[in-house]
Amino acid sequence: MAKMRIPLAAADMMVDEESGALLVEIPDVMPYTSGAPLAKDCTAADTDYTLSAQACRGVIVSAHPDNAGRLWVGVGAAAEDGKGTPLAAGDRVAYQVSNCNMIHVLAKSAGDDLCYNWVN
């Protein structure tokens, strides 16, 4: 079963006076579109790479499962060893950004890949 986290500020809440149950009315969730899966090949180790420009509402990034080393992901600034989000092979994280080019990646092993999808 898929789960979706919705901020409570976006929902109307009330308490049923008879049962004491919390009733939550959730508004329709805006549908989204996604681009085709993409990959950033980090051809050189310890080098900051930036994703291609693409307007979006968010980016889901993951370290390719065959990667040999750790990736470091930064948002809005160059990725550095030991700073940002570390991703081991197969790890995944999502960021709310307005453009894919806000995402930076640094690979500790040459040739490792960052896979990503943008969402609008």
Protein backbone atom coordinates (compact mmCIF):
# COMPACT_ATOMS: atom_id res chain seq x y z
CA MET A 1 0.00 0.00 0.00
CA ALA A 2 1.41 3.39 -0.99
CA LYS A 3 1.59 6.01 1.74
CA MET A 4 1.61 9.75 1.32
CA ARG A 5 2.63 12.24 3.99
CA ILE A 6 0.41 15.33 3.95
CA PRO A 7 1.11 18.38 6.13
CA LEU A 8 -1.60 18.77 8.76
CA ALA A 9 -1.98 22.43 7.83
CA ALA A 10 -3.38 21.25 4.48
CA ALA A 11 -6.17 19.23 6.11
CA ASP A 12 -9.38 20.18 7.93
CA MET A 13 -9.60 18.40 11.28
CA MET A 14 -12.47 18.03 13.73
CA VAL A 15 -13.45 15.77 16.59
CA ASP A 16 -16.62 13.67 16.44
CA GLU A 17 -18.53 14.72 19.59
CA GLU A 18 -20.15 11.29 20.09
CA SER A 19 -17.20 8.97 19.57
CA GLY A 20 -14.32 11.35 20.25
CA ALA A 21 -12.70 10.19 16.99
CA LEU A 22 -10.47 12.58 15.10
CA LEU A 23 -11.91 13.22 11.65
CA VAL A 24 -9.56 14.48 8.97
CA GLU A 25 -10.72 15.79 5.62
CA ILE A 26 -7.84 15.77 3.16
CA PRO A 27 -8.07 17.95 0.05
CA ASP A 28 -7.38 16.51 -3.38
CA VAL A 29 -3.68 16.09 -3.95
CA MET A 30 -2.40 17.78 -7.07
CA PRO A 31 -1.18 15.20 -9.60
CA TYR A 32 2.41 15.42 -10.75
CA THR A 33 4.39 14.57 -13.84
CA SER A 34 7.85 13.08 -13.98
CA GLY A 35 10.64 13.17 -16.51
CA ALA A 36 12.29 10.05 -17.89
CA PRO A 37 14.87 8.44 -15.59
CA LEU A 38 18.26 10.12 -16.04
CA ALA A 39 21.79 9.47 -14.83
CA LYS A 40 24.83 11.61 -14.11
CA ASP A 41 28.08 9.76 -14.78
CA CYS A 42 30.79 10.94 -12.40
CA THR A 43 33.73 10.18 -14.68
CA ALA A 44 36.31 11.56 -12.23
CA ALA A 45 36.52 10.93 -8.50
CA ASP A 46 36.43 13.86 -6.06
CA THR A 47 34.96 16.24 -8.66
CA ASP A 48 31.76 18.30 -8.19
CA TYR A 49 29.14 17.64 -10.90
CA THR A 50 25.85 19.51 -11.35
CA LEU A 51 22.68 17.98 -12.78
CA SER A 52 21.33 19.42 -16.05
CA ALA A 53 18.97 22.39 -15.90
CA GLN A 54 15.30 21.35 -15.73
CA ALA A 55 12.56 23.30 -13.95
CA CYS A 56 10.84 21.06 -11.40
CA ARG A 57 9.16 20.82 -8.00
CA GLY A 58 11.51 18.15 -6.76
CA VAL A 59 14.19 15.60 -7.62
CA ILE A 60 14.51 11.99 -6.49
CA VAL A 61 18.16 10.91 -6.57
CA SER A 62 19.71 7.52 -5.96
CA ALA A 63 23.16 6.00 -6.06
CA HIS A 64 23.35 3.36 -8.78
CA PRO A 65 23.27 -0.12 -7.18
CA ASP A 66 26.53 -1.10 -8.94
CA ASN A 67 28.51 1.89 -7.60
CA ALA A 68 31.84 1.03 -6.01
CA GLY A 69 32.03 3.98 -3.64
CA ARG A 70 30.02 6.59 -1.78
CA LEU A 71 28.39 9.62 -3.41
CA TRP A 72 28.03 12.97 -1.63
CA VAL A 73 25.02 15.07 -2.66
CA GLY A 74 24.77 18.82 -2.04
CA VAL A 75 21.88 21.20 -2.66
CA GLY A 76 22.57 24.71 -3.92
CA ALA A 77 26.32 24.42 -3.34
CA ALA A 78 29.20 22.25 -4.50
CA ALA A 79 29.23 18.73 -3.10
CA GLU A 80 32.20 17.97 -0.88
CA ASP A 81 33.60 14.87 0.77
CA GLY A 82 32.04 14.69 4.22
CA LYS A 83 29.44 17.44 3.57
CA GLY A 84 25.91 16.97 2.30
CA THR A 85 24.02 13.71 2.05
CA PRO A 86 26.09 10.52 1.77
CA LEU A 87 24.65 7.83 -0.53
CA ALA A 88 25.94 4.27 -0.60
CA ALA A 89 25.07 2.04 -3.57
CA GLY A 90 21.27 1.78 -3.83
CA ASP A 91 20.49 4.60 -1.36
CA ARG A 92 17.81 7.11 -2.38
CA VAL A 93 16.71 10.58 -1.23
CA ALA A 94 14.29 13.26 -2.48
CA TYR A 95 14.76 17.03 -2.50
CA GLN A 96 12.22 19.81 -2.96
CA VAL A 97 13.98 22.15 -5.41
CA SER A 98 12.87 24.42 -8.25
CA ASN A 99 15.51 23.20 -10.74
CA CYS A 100 17.56 20.03 -11.14
CA ASN A 101 20.72 22.11 -11.51
CA MET A 102 20.54 22.89 -7.78
CA ILE A 103 21.69 19.31 -7.13
CA HIS A 104 25.45 18.69 -6.96
CA VAL A 105 27.16 15.31 -6.64
CA LEU A 106 30.68 14.16 -5.84
CA ALA A 107 31.73 10.53 -6.29
CA LYS A 108 34.50 8.92 -4.29
CA SER A 109 35.05 6.36 -7.09
CA ALA A 110 35.50 7.34 -10.75
CA GLY A 111 32.70 6.13 -13.00
CA ASP A 112 30.00 5.87 -10.31
CA ASP A 113 26.54 7.09 -11.29
CA LEU A 114 23.81 9.20 -9.69
CA CYS A 115 20.37 8.24 -11.04
CA TYR A 116 17.55 10.77 -10.82
CA ASN A 117 13.99 11.69 -11.76
CA TRP A 118 12.55 15.19 -11.65
CA VAL A 119 8.97 15.80 -10.62
CA ASN A 120 6.59 18.63 -11.60
